[in-house]
Amino acid sequence: MGNDEMGDVVARMNDVAIVGLGPTGATLANLCGMFGLRTVVYERSLAPYSQPRACHLDAEIARVFQQCGFEEQLSALLSESAGMEYVDGTGRQLFNFEGFHRKPLLGWHEDYVFLQPELEVVLRGGLARYDHVEVRLGSEVVDPLALLDDAQWVVACDGGGGRTREQLGIGFADLGYDEQWLVVDVMLHHEPTPPLPSIIQQVCDPSRLATFVPGHGAHRRWEFQIHGAELPDPWSLLEPWGVTPDHGELVRAVPYRFHALVADRWRGGPDGRVLLAGDAAHMMPPFMGQGMCSGVRDAANVAWKLAEVVSGKSPAELLDAYERERRPHTEAVVAMSVAAGQTLARLAADPRDVPDPDEPDPKRWSRLPGLELGGAFPIGHQLPQPDRLDERLPNDWTWVAAHASFVAPDGRAVVVEPDATYGCGAVLVRPDRYIAAVVQ
């Protein structure tokens, strides 16, 4: 095949094929649509998963959804969370994880709760805006590598049990957590309602560790540690909380194995044209509520890089930076989640063994560690977002300057915002709102 014929084949191909339309895949598909990438999504289900799974997101994730154009819907989808505390079996506070307060520097509050089915409906519905994004529901992908016949790049968002990672011969590194828990979801009736906490609680009860999450609307979530091969009756576990079948509907009671796993590598296949994202690349225990958040961060990180490569602005090697940036961040979040679970057991054994957390770094305006992009602060951190600054930023590289007199050294767009640069003359902002360079 000659060069002209090869170019014609590439011109007819999709730019990106996405396997899986859960929150990670749906977010990625919306971002690909926003960046103008010809995208096809394969999803085996015909409708969003009907039961609540993920139920927490933070300010950075809300900001990604804002960038996708869903700010108006978020007011109905999200409830602000009051934080998290560790308590003993009687409900007495042992340790407050949220020992400090910050104004919403990213434009959103620190923590929210939501119902995943409602969020997925919005994310899927947003894809109808893009004629260049095709969604193939009811499509079981038997051979993910065969998708490369019709797409330049494949991103597998098919979960920890998906075929893609296995087909690529990629294993999981075990980061040292493996426990069985029972996840119980209840939708409360309006009346009567039992007196339940308004804050997330990690219950350090030596007879049975537990987590309670006051969810969005009528949703309440409990997670109970399982002992051995038992499968306890969920209503019996809820009885000490004062919750009976008269108070609500039992939506789900499912045993889960809480893992801490990270894929050995996140890119593979012919010419490295297949990438892993979400649970296909990492899984973590839920004690910090960062499982779905980490998948959305993957989508936000890789989408603009795919757009740069497909457009020819950057070489394919740019996609090596996806794992290089996301892996350390993910491993830190997994370690944080494992530590939160281990703190449960430690305080159950000795309620006096209270953690002594470091004071929060005032320069760290992202809730979780920033990316290591090889420079001094604030490089690698998210751009603050006062007064919905993102609405004035293009979905491209741009300079944000403190003064109107600033002239971009590379001719890129400039947005003036004195309150967003924190002492710098200007910062170069990537399409995912992370700071890549600074001018003093």
Protein backbone atom coordinates (compact mmCIF):
# COMPACT_ATOMS: atom_id res chain seq x y z
CA MET A 1 0.00 0.00 0.00
CA GLY A 2 1.44 3.36 -1.00
CA ASN A 3 1.68 6.42 1.20
CA ASP A 4 -1.35 8.04 -0.41
CA GLU A 5 -3.44 4.91 0.10
CA MET A 6 -2.25 4.60 3.70
CA GLY A 7 -3.16 8.23 4.32
CA ASP A 8 -6.62 7.65 2.85
CA VAL A 9 -7.17 4.65 5.17
CA VAL A 10 -6.15 6.72 8.19
CA ALA A 11 -8.46 9.53 7.09
CA ARG A 12 -11.42 7.10 7.10
CA MET A 13 -10.58 5.61 10.50
CA ASN A 14 -11.96 6.73 13.80
CA ASP A 15 -9.45 8.59 15.90
CA VAL A 16 -10.33 6.81 19.15
CA ALA A 17 -12.22 3.67 20.12
CA ILE A 18 -13.34 3.47 23.75
CA VAL A 19 -14.24 0.16 25.37
CA GLY A 20 -16.75 0.69 28.18
CA LEU A 21 -19.23 3.48 28.91
CA GLY A 22 -19.05 3.65 32.68
CA PRO A 23 -18.08 6.98 34.27
CA THR A 24 -14.48 6.81 33.00
CA GLY A 25 -15.41 5.86 29.44
CA ALA A 26 -18.33 8.30 29.28
CA THR A 27 -16.18 11.17 30.58
CA LEU A 28 -13.48 10.33 28.07
CA ALA A 29 -16.03 10.15 25.24
CA ASN A 30 -17.38 13.61 26.16
CA LEU A 31 -13.86 15.04 26.26
CA CYS A 32 -12.98 13.43 22.94
CA GLY A 33 -16.14 14.94 21.48
CA MET A 34 -15.20 18.35 22.89
CA PHE A 35 -11.73 18.08 21.31
CA GLY A 36 -13.22 17.12 17.93
CA LEU A 37 -11.94 13.52 17.87
CA ARG A 38 -13.86 11.00 15.78
CA THR A 39 -14.78 8.54 18.46
CA VAL A 40 -16.64 5.23 18.69
CA VAL A 41 -17.67 3.78 22.05
CA TYR A 42 -18.47 0.10 22.62
CA GLU A 43 -20.66 -0.76 25.59
CA ARG A 44 -22.23 -4.15 26.23
CA SER A 45 -25.15 -2.84 28.32
CA LEU A 46 -28.13 -1.08 26.82
CA ALA A 47 -28.68 1.25 29.78
CA PRO A 48 -26.61 2.70 32.62
CA TYR A 49 -26.00 0.39 35.55
CA SER A 50 -29.10 0.73 37.71
CA GLN A 51 -27.55 0.45 41.17
CA PRO A 52 -25.39 2.94 43.09
CA ARG A 53 -21.72 2.03 43.10
CA ALA A 54 -19.46 5.08 43.20
CA CYS A 55 -21.04 7.78 45.39
CA HIS A 56 -18.30 10.36 46.09
CA LEU A 57 -16.40 12.87 43.98
CA ASP A 58 -14.22 15.85 44.77
CA ALA A 59 -13.63 19.36 43.47
CA GLU A 60 -11.29 18.32 40.67
CA ILE A 61 -13.84 15.87 39.28
CA ALA A 62 -16.64 18.42 39.45
CA ARG A 63 -14.34 20.74 37.51
CA VAL A 64 -13.81 18.11 34.79
CA PHE A 65 -17.59 17.72 34.46
CA GLN A 66 -17.86 21.51 34.30
CA GLN A 67 -15.37 21.50 31.42
CA CYS A 68 -17.51 18.87 29.71
CA GLY A 69 -20.44 21.30 29.83
CA PHE A 70 -22.48 19.81 32.68
CA GLU A 71 -22.31 22.60 35.25
CA GLU A 72 -26.04 23.31 35.06
CA GLN A 73 -26.93 19.63 35.71
CA LEU A 74 -24.46 19.29 38.60
CA SER A 75 -26.57 21.38 40.96
CA ALA A 76 -29.24 18.66 40.90
CA LEU A 77 -26.79 15.73 40.77
CA LEU A 78 -24.55 16.63 43.71
CA SER A 79 -24.93 17.19 47.44
CA GLU A 80 -22.06 18.75 49.35
CA SER A 81 -20.44 16.32 51.79
CA ALA A 82 -19.66 17.34 55.37
CA GLY A 83 -16.35 15.45 55.48
CA MET A 84 -15.31 12.29 57.33
CA GLU A 85 -14.63 11.22 60.90
CA TYR A 86 -13.45 8.08 62.69
CA VAL A 87 -15.69 6.98 65.56
CA ASP A 88 -15.76 4.09 68.03
CA GLY A 89 -18.58 1.55 68.25
CA THR A 90 -20.72 3.99 70.26
CA GLY A 91 -20.34 6.83 67.74
CA ARG A 92 -17.82 8.81 69.84
CA GLN A 93 -15.43 10.73 67.59
CA LEU A 94 -11.83 9.49 67.73
CA PHE A 95 -10.33 11.43 64.83
CA ASN A 96 -11.65 14.00 62.40
CA PHE A 97 -10.10 13.53 58.98
CA GLU A 98 -11.28 16.97 57.87
CA GLY A 99 -9.35 18.99 60.44
CA PHE A 100 -9.01 22.05 58.26
CA HIS A 101 -11.19 24.17 56.01
CA ARG A 102 -10.37 25.85 52.73
CA LYS A 103 -12.28 28.06 50.39
CA PRO A 104 -13.13 26.34 47.10
CA LEU A 105 -9.97 27.26 45.19
CA LEU A 106 -10.81 24.95 42.28
CA GLY A 107 -14.23 26.56 41.92
CA TRP A 108 -16.02 23.72 43.71
CA HIS A 109 -16.37 22.46 47.27
CA GLU A 110 -13.95 19.80 48.48
CA ASP A 111 -16.36 16.84 48.51
CA TYR A 112 -19.73 15.82 47.10
CA VAL A 113 -21.96 12.74 47.12
CA PHE A 114 -24.09 11.63 44.17
CA LEU A 115 -26.01 8.71 42.68
CA GLN A 116 -24.03 6.98 39.95
CA PRO A 117 -27.06 6.00 37.78
CA GLU A 118 -28.14 9.66 37.64
CA LEU A 119 -24.63 10.80 36.75
CA GLU A 120 -24.26 8.18 34.03
CA VAL A 121 -27.55 9.28 32.40
CA VAL A 122 -26.18 12.82 32.15
CA LEU A 123 -22.77 11.72 30.85
CA ARG A 124 -24.31 9.46 28.22
CA GLY A 125 -26.84 12.09 27.23
CA GLY A 126 -24.07 14.61 26.63
CA LEU A 127 -22.67 12.49 23.80
CA ALA A 128 -25.71 13.29 21.64
CA ARG A 129 -24.17 16.76 21.14
CA TYR A 130 -21.42 15.33 18.96
CA ASP A 131 -22.06 13.99 15.47
CA HIS A 132 -18.50 12.66 15.44
CA VAL A 133 -19.05 10.45 18.53
CA GLU A 134 -20.81 7.15 17.89
CA VAL A 135 -22.08 4.98 20.75
CA ARG A 136 -22.65 1.28 20.05
CA LEU A 137 -24.74 -0.10 22.90
CA GLY A 138 -25.16 -3.83 23.25
CA SER A 139 -21.69 -4.37 21.76
CA GLU A 140 -19.62 -7.05 23.43
CA VAL A 141 -15.97 -6.52 22.47
CA VAL A 142 -14.48 -10.00 22.19
CA ASP A 143 -11.16 -8.91 20.69
CA PRO A 144 -10.18 -5.38 21.77
CA LEU A 145 -7.10 -5.43 19.55
CA ALA A 146 -9.33 -5.90 16.49
CA LEU A 147 -10.67 -2.40 17.11
CA LEU A 148 -7.35 -1.07 15.84
CA ASP A 149 -8.54 -1.99 12.33
CA ASP A 150 -10.97 0.92 12.53
CA ALA A 151 -9.37 3.30 15.05
CA GLN A 152 -5.96 4.87 15.46
CA TRP A 153 -6.12 4.52 19.25
CA VAL A 154 -8.02 2.31 21.68
CA VAL A 155 -8.66 3.25 25.31
CA ALA A 156 -9.87 0.39 27.49
CA CYS A 157 -12.26 1.55 30.21
CA ASP A 158 -13.65 -1.96 30.63
CA GLY A 159 -12.97 -2.39 34.35
CA GLY A 160 -10.73 -4.62 36.41
CA GLY A 161 -12.28 -7.76 34.93
CA GLY A 162 -12.22 -6.53 31.32
CA ARG A 163 -10.59 -8.43 28.50
CA THR A 164 -8.21 -5.76 27.25
CA ARG A 165 -5.60 -5.79 29.99
CA GLU A 166 -5.48 -9.59 29.98
CA GLN A 167 -5.23 -9.71 26.20
CA LEU A 168 -2.30 -7.31 26.32
CA GLY A 169 -0.57 -9.61 28.80
CA ILE A 170 -0.47 -6.90 31.46
CA GLY A 171 -0.59 -7.94 35.10
CA PHE A 172 -1.57 -6.13 38.28
CA ALA A 173 0.90 -5.14 41.00
CA ASP A 174 -0.62 -5.86 44.41
CA LEU A 175 -0.13 -2.91 46.78
CA GLY A 176 -1.08 -4.82 49.89
CA TYR A 177 -4.79 -4.76 50.70
CA ASP A 178 -7.26 -7.61 50.29
CA GLU A 179 -10.42 -7.79 52.40
CA GLN A 180 -14.02 -8.89 51.99
CA TRP A 181 -16.72 -6.34 52.83
CA LEU A 182 -20.49 -6.24 52.39
CA VAL A 183 -21.76 -3.09 50.67
CA VAL A 184 -25.33 -2.20 51.63
CA ASP A 185 -27.35 0.57 49.92
CA VAL A 186 -30.69 1.79 51.24
CA MET A 187 -33.05 4.40 49.81
CA LEU A 188 -34.86 5.93 52.78
CA HIS A 189 -38.56 6.70 52.75
CA HIS A 190 -39.44 10.30 53.44
CA GLU A 191 -41.14 9.44 56.74
CA PRO A 192 -40.24 8.20 59.22
CA THR A 193 -36.47 8.59 58.98
CA PRO A 194 -34.09 7.23 61.63
CA PRO A 195 -31.58 9.65 63.23
CA LEU A 196 -28.44 8.96 61.20
CA PRO A 197 -25.15 10.91 61.10
CA SER A 198 -24.78 13.74 58.57
CA ILE A 199 -21.05 13.07 58.10
CA ILE A 200 -19.19 10.09 56.63
CA GLN A 201 -18.16 7.81 59.48
CA GLN A 202 -15.44 5.19 59.66
CA VAL A 203 -16.62 2.99 62.54
CA CYS A 204 -13.71 1.50 64.51
CA ASP A 205 -15.74 -1.19 66.27
CA PRO A 206 -13.55 -4.21 67.19
CA SER A 207 -16.54 -6.53 66.69
CA ARG A 208 -16.98 -5.38 63.08
CA LEU A 209 -15.39 -2.51 61.17
CA ALA A 210 -17.84 -0.44 59.15
CA THR A 211 -18.25 2.68 57.01
CA PHE A 212 -21.34 4.88 56.79
CA VAL A 213 -21.95 7.37 53.97
CA PRO A 214 -24.87 9.83 54.03
CA GLY A 215 -25.49 9.88 50.30
CA HIS A 216 -27.26 12.14 47.84
CA GLY A 217 -30.98 12.58 48.45
CA ALA A 218 -32.47 9.53 50.17
CA HIS A 219 -29.43 7.31 49.56
CA ARG A 220 -27.50 5.88 52.52
CA ARG A 221 -24.50 3.55 52.17
CA TRP A 222 -23.00 1.13 54.67
CA GLU A 223 -19.95 -1.07 54.23
CA PHE A 224 -19.38 -3.85 56.75
CA GLN A 225 -16.27 -5.99 57.10
CA ILE A 226 -17.02 -9.69 56.54
CA HIS A 227 -15.52 -12.27 58.88
CA GLY A 228 -14.34 -15.43 57.16
CA ALA A 229 -16.89 -17.11 54.91
CA GLU A 230 -19.95 -15.54 56.54
CA LEU A 231 -22.60 -13.68 54.57
CA PRO A 232 -24.52 -11.73 57.22
CA ASP A 233 -28.09 -10.58 56.83
CA PRO A 234 -27.96 -6.86 55.90
CA TRP A 235 -31.00 -5.92 57.98
CA SER A 236 -29.38 -7.49 61.04
CA LEU A 237 -26.31 -5.31 60.45
CA LEU A 238 -28.49 -2.21 60.05
CA GLU A 239 -30.51 -2.86 63.20
CA PRO A 240 -27.95 -1.22 65.58
CA TRP A 241 -28.24 1.89 63.38
CA GLY A 242 -31.98 1.97 64.01
CA VAL A 243 -32.77 1.16 60.38
CA THR A 244 -35.51 -1.38 59.59
CA PRO A 245 -37.47 -2.29 56.44
CA ASP A 246 -40.05 0.27 57.59
CA HIS A 247 -37.50 3.03 57.00
CA GLY A 248 -36.45 2.32 53.45
CA GLU A 249 -35.86 0.03 50.50
CA LEU A 250 -32.84 -2.25 50.39
CA VAL A 251 -31.37 -1.45 46.97
CA ARG A 252 -28.24 -3.55 47.15
CA ALA A 253 -26.37 -5.88 49.51
CA VAL A 254 -23.32 -7.20 47.67
CA PRO A 255 -20.05 -8.67 48.98
CA TYR A 256 -16.99 -6.99 47.48
CA ARG A 257 -13.31 -7.82 47.70
CA PHE A 258 -11.52 -4.54 48.38
CA HIS A 259 -8.22 -4.58 46.45
CA ALA A 260 -5.23 -2.27 46.05
CA LEU A 261 -3.95 -3.00 42.53
CA VAL A 262 -2.17 -1.03 39.81
CA ALA A 263 -1.52 -2.37 36.30
CA ASP A 264 2.14 -3.08 35.49
CA ARG A 265 1.89 -0.79 32.47
CA TRP A 266 -0.90 1.33 31.01
CA ARG A 267 0.00 1.20 27.33
CA GLY A 268 0.44 -1.77 25.01
CA GLY A 269 -0.63 -3.45 21.81
CA PRO A 270 0.79 -2.82 18.33
CA ASP A 271 2.86 0.38 18.37
CA GLY A 272 1.51 1.10 21.86
CA ARG A 273 -1.86 2.09 20.43
CA VAL A 274 -3.92 0.68 23.32
CA LEU A 275 -4.20 2.50 26.64
CA LEU A 276 -5.79 1.50 29.93
CA ALA A 277 -7.91 3.82 32.09
CA GLY A 278 -10.06 3.58 35.20
CA ASP A 279 -10.41 0.21 36.91
CA ALA A 280 -8.65 -1.44 33.97
CA ALA A 281 -5.50 0.37 35.17
CA HIS A 282 -6.03 0.51 38.94
CA MET A 283 -8.33 -0.54 41.77
CA MET A 284 -8.36 0.66 45.36
CA PRO A 285 -10.35 0.22 48.57
CA PRO A 286 -13.16 2.78 48.86
CA PHE A 287 -12.27 4.43 52.17
CA MET A 288 -11.23 7.71 50.52
CA GLY A 289 -13.91 7.61 47.80
CA GLN A 290 -11.30 7.92 45.05
CA GLY A 291 -12.01 4.96 42.75
CA MET A 292 -14.21 6.73 40.20
CA CYS A 293 -12.34 9.99 40.77
CA SER A 294 -9.10 8.35 39.66
CA GLY A 295 -10.74 7.06 36.48
CA VAL A 296 -12.08 10.52 35.62
CA ARG A 297 -8.61 11.95 36.20
CA ASP A 298 -7.27 9.36 33.75
CA ALA A 299 -9.82 10.49 31.16
CA ALA A 300 -8.99 14.18 31.63
CA ASN A 301 -5.26 13.49 31.36
CA VAL A 302 -5.31 11.29 28.29
CA ALA A 303 -8.02 13.05 26.23
CA TRP A 304 -6.09 16.19 25.38
CA LYS A 305 -2.94 14.17 24.71
CA LEU A 306 -4.85 12.04 22.18
CA ALA A 307 -6.12 15.24 20.56
CA GLU A 308 -2.59 16.62 20.28
CA VAL A 309 -1.27 13.41 18.74
CA VAL A 310 -4.17 12.90 16.32
CA SER A 311 -3.91 16.50 15.11
CA GLY A 312 -0.19 16.10 14.51
CA LYS A 313 0.73 18.82 17.00
CA SER A 314 2.69 16.33 19.09
CA PRO A 315 4.36 12.97 18.42
CA ALA A 316 2.86 9.72 19.71
CA GLU A 317 5.51 9.72 22.47
CA LEU A 318 3.39 12.34 24.24
CA LEU A 319 1.12 9.49 25.30
CA ASP A 320 3.99 8.00 27.31
CA ALA A 321 3.46 10.98 29.63
CA TYR A 322 -0.04 9.70 30.43
CA GLU A 323 1.22 6.86 32.62
CA ARG A 324 4.27 8.83 33.74
CA GLU A 325 2.00 11.51 35.20
CA ARG A 326 -0.93 9.42 36.35
CA ARG A 327 0.84 6.42 37.91
CA PRO A 328 2.61 8.25 40.80
CA HIS A 329 -0.57 10.17 41.54
CA THR A 330 -2.66 6.98 41.47
CA GLU A 331 -0.21 5.04 43.63
CA ALA A 332 -0.30 7.89 46.17
CA VAL A 333 -4.10 7.79 46.21
CA VAL A 334 -4.13 3.99 46.55
CA ALA A 335 -1.66 4.25 49.45
CA MET A 336 -3.85 6.91 51.06
CA SER A 337 -6.92 4.67 50.67
CA VAL A 338 -5.11 1.67 52.16
CA ALA A 339 -3.88 3.79 55.07
CA ALA A 340 -7.43 4.99 55.71
CA GLY A 341 -8.61 1.37 55.91
CA GLN A 342 -5.72 0.35 58.14
CA THR A 343 -6.51 3.25 60.46
CA LEU A 344 -9.93 1.68 61.03
CA ALA A 345 -8.37 -1.52 62.32
CA ARG A 346 -5.71 0.33 64.32
CA LEU A 347 -8.20 2.52 66.17
CA ALA A 348 -10.46 -0.48 66.79
CA ALA A 349 -7.55 -2.19 68.51
CA ASP A 350 -6.52 0.92 70.47
CA PRO A 351 -8.74 4.02 70.37
CA ARG A 352 -5.83 6.07 71.71
CA ASP A 353 -3.70 5.33 68.61
CA VAL A 354 -4.92 8.45 66.81
CA PRO A 355 -3.04 9.48 63.65
CA ASP A 356 -1.09 12.72 63.70
CA PRO A 357 -1.58 14.04 60.17
CA ASP A 358 0.79 16.62 58.71
CA GLU A 359 -0.52 20.13 58.46
CA PRO A 360 -2.00 20.68 55.00
CA ASP A 361 0.37 22.47 52.66
CA PRO A 362 -1.27 25.82 51.84
CA LYS A 363 0.42 25.72 48.45
CA ARG A 364 -1.36 22.48 47.55
CA TRP A 365 -4.65 23.70 46.20
CA SER A 366 -5.54 20.36 44.70
CA ARG A 367 -6.91 17.94 47.30
CA LEU A 368 -4.50 15.23 46.18
CA PRO A 369 -0.82 15.41 45.20
CA GLY A 370 -0.09 17.43 42.08
CA LEU A 371 1.68 16.05 39.05
CA GLU A 372 5.44 16.06 38.99
CA LEU A 373 6.17 17.98 35.80
CA GLY A 374 9.77 18.76 36.64
CA GLY A 375 9.56 22.31 37.96
CA ALA A 376 9.09 24.43 41.06
CA PHE A 377 5.73 25.37 42.53
CA PRO A 378 3.15 25.91 41.08
CA ILE A 379 4.17 23.74 38.11
CA GLY A 380 2.25 20.48 38.23
CA HIS A 381 -0.60 21.89 40.29
CA GLN A 382 -4.06 22.77 39.11
CA LEU A 383 -4.83 26.34 38.18
CA PRO A 384 -7.13 27.91 40.79
CA GLN A 385 -10.54 28.83 39.44
CA PRO A 386 -11.91 32.05 40.93
CA ASP A 387 -15.27 33.23 39.59
CA ARG A 388 -15.63 30.35 37.12
CA LEU A 389 -12.41 31.27 35.34
CA ASP A 390 -12.58 28.09 33.24
CA GLU A 391 -15.49 29.52 31.29
CA ARG A 392 -13.06 32.06 29.81
CA LEU A 393 -10.34 29.53 29.01
CA PRO A 394 -10.15 27.80 25.63
CA ASN A 395 -9.93 24.01 25.53
CA ASP A 396 -6.30 24.37 24.52
CA TRP A 397 -2.99 25.55 25.91
CA THR A 398 -3.27 29.11 27.19
CA TRP A 399 -1.42 31.61 29.31
CA VAL A 400 -3.17 33.03 32.35
CA ALA A 401 -1.54 36.33 33.27
CA ALA A 402 -1.76 38.67 36.23
CA HIS A 403 -1.48 41.78 34.03
CA ALA A 404 -2.86 42.81 30.65
CA SER A 405 0.63 43.91 29.57
CA PHE A 406 1.86 40.29 29.47
CA VAL A 407 2.93 39.12 26.00
CA ALA A 408 2.98 35.35 25.50
CA PRO A 409 6.49 34.20 24.48
CA ASP A 410 5.06 31.51 22.18
CA GLY A 411 2.17 33.46 20.71
CA ARG A 412 -0.52 31.44 22.52
CA ALA A 413 -3.76 32.89 23.81
CA VAL A 414 -3.64 34.98 26.98
CA VAL A 415 -6.38 35.31 29.59
CA VAL A 416 -5.91 37.98 32.26
CA GLU A 417 -6.86 36.93 35.80
CA PRO A 418 -4.93 38.63 38.62
CA ASP A 419 -6.28 36.26 41.29
CA ALA A 420 -5.38 32.98 39.57
CA THR A 421 -1.60 33.11 39.33
CA TYR A 422 -0.60 33.30 43.02
CA GLY A 423 2.42 35.56 42.80
CA CYS A 424 3.58 34.61 39.29
CA GLY A 425 3.46 36.99 36.36
CA ALA A 426 1.79 34.31 34.22
CA VAL A 427 1.33 30.57 34.07
CA LEU A 428 1.03 28.31 31.03
CA VAL A 429 -2.04 26.13 31.47
CA ARG A 430 -2.58 22.81 29.72
CA PRO A 431 -5.99 21.82 28.33
CA ASP A 432 -6.62 19.78 31.51
CA ARG A 433 -6.11 22.93 33.66
CA TYR A 434 -2.74 21.89 35.07
CA ILE A 435 0.11 24.41 35.13
CA ALA A 436 3.00 23.47 32.86
CA ALA A 437 5.26 26.55 33.03
CA VAL A 438 5.66 29.84 34.89
CA VAL A 439 6.84 33.34 34.04
CA GLN A 440 7.76 35.46 37.05
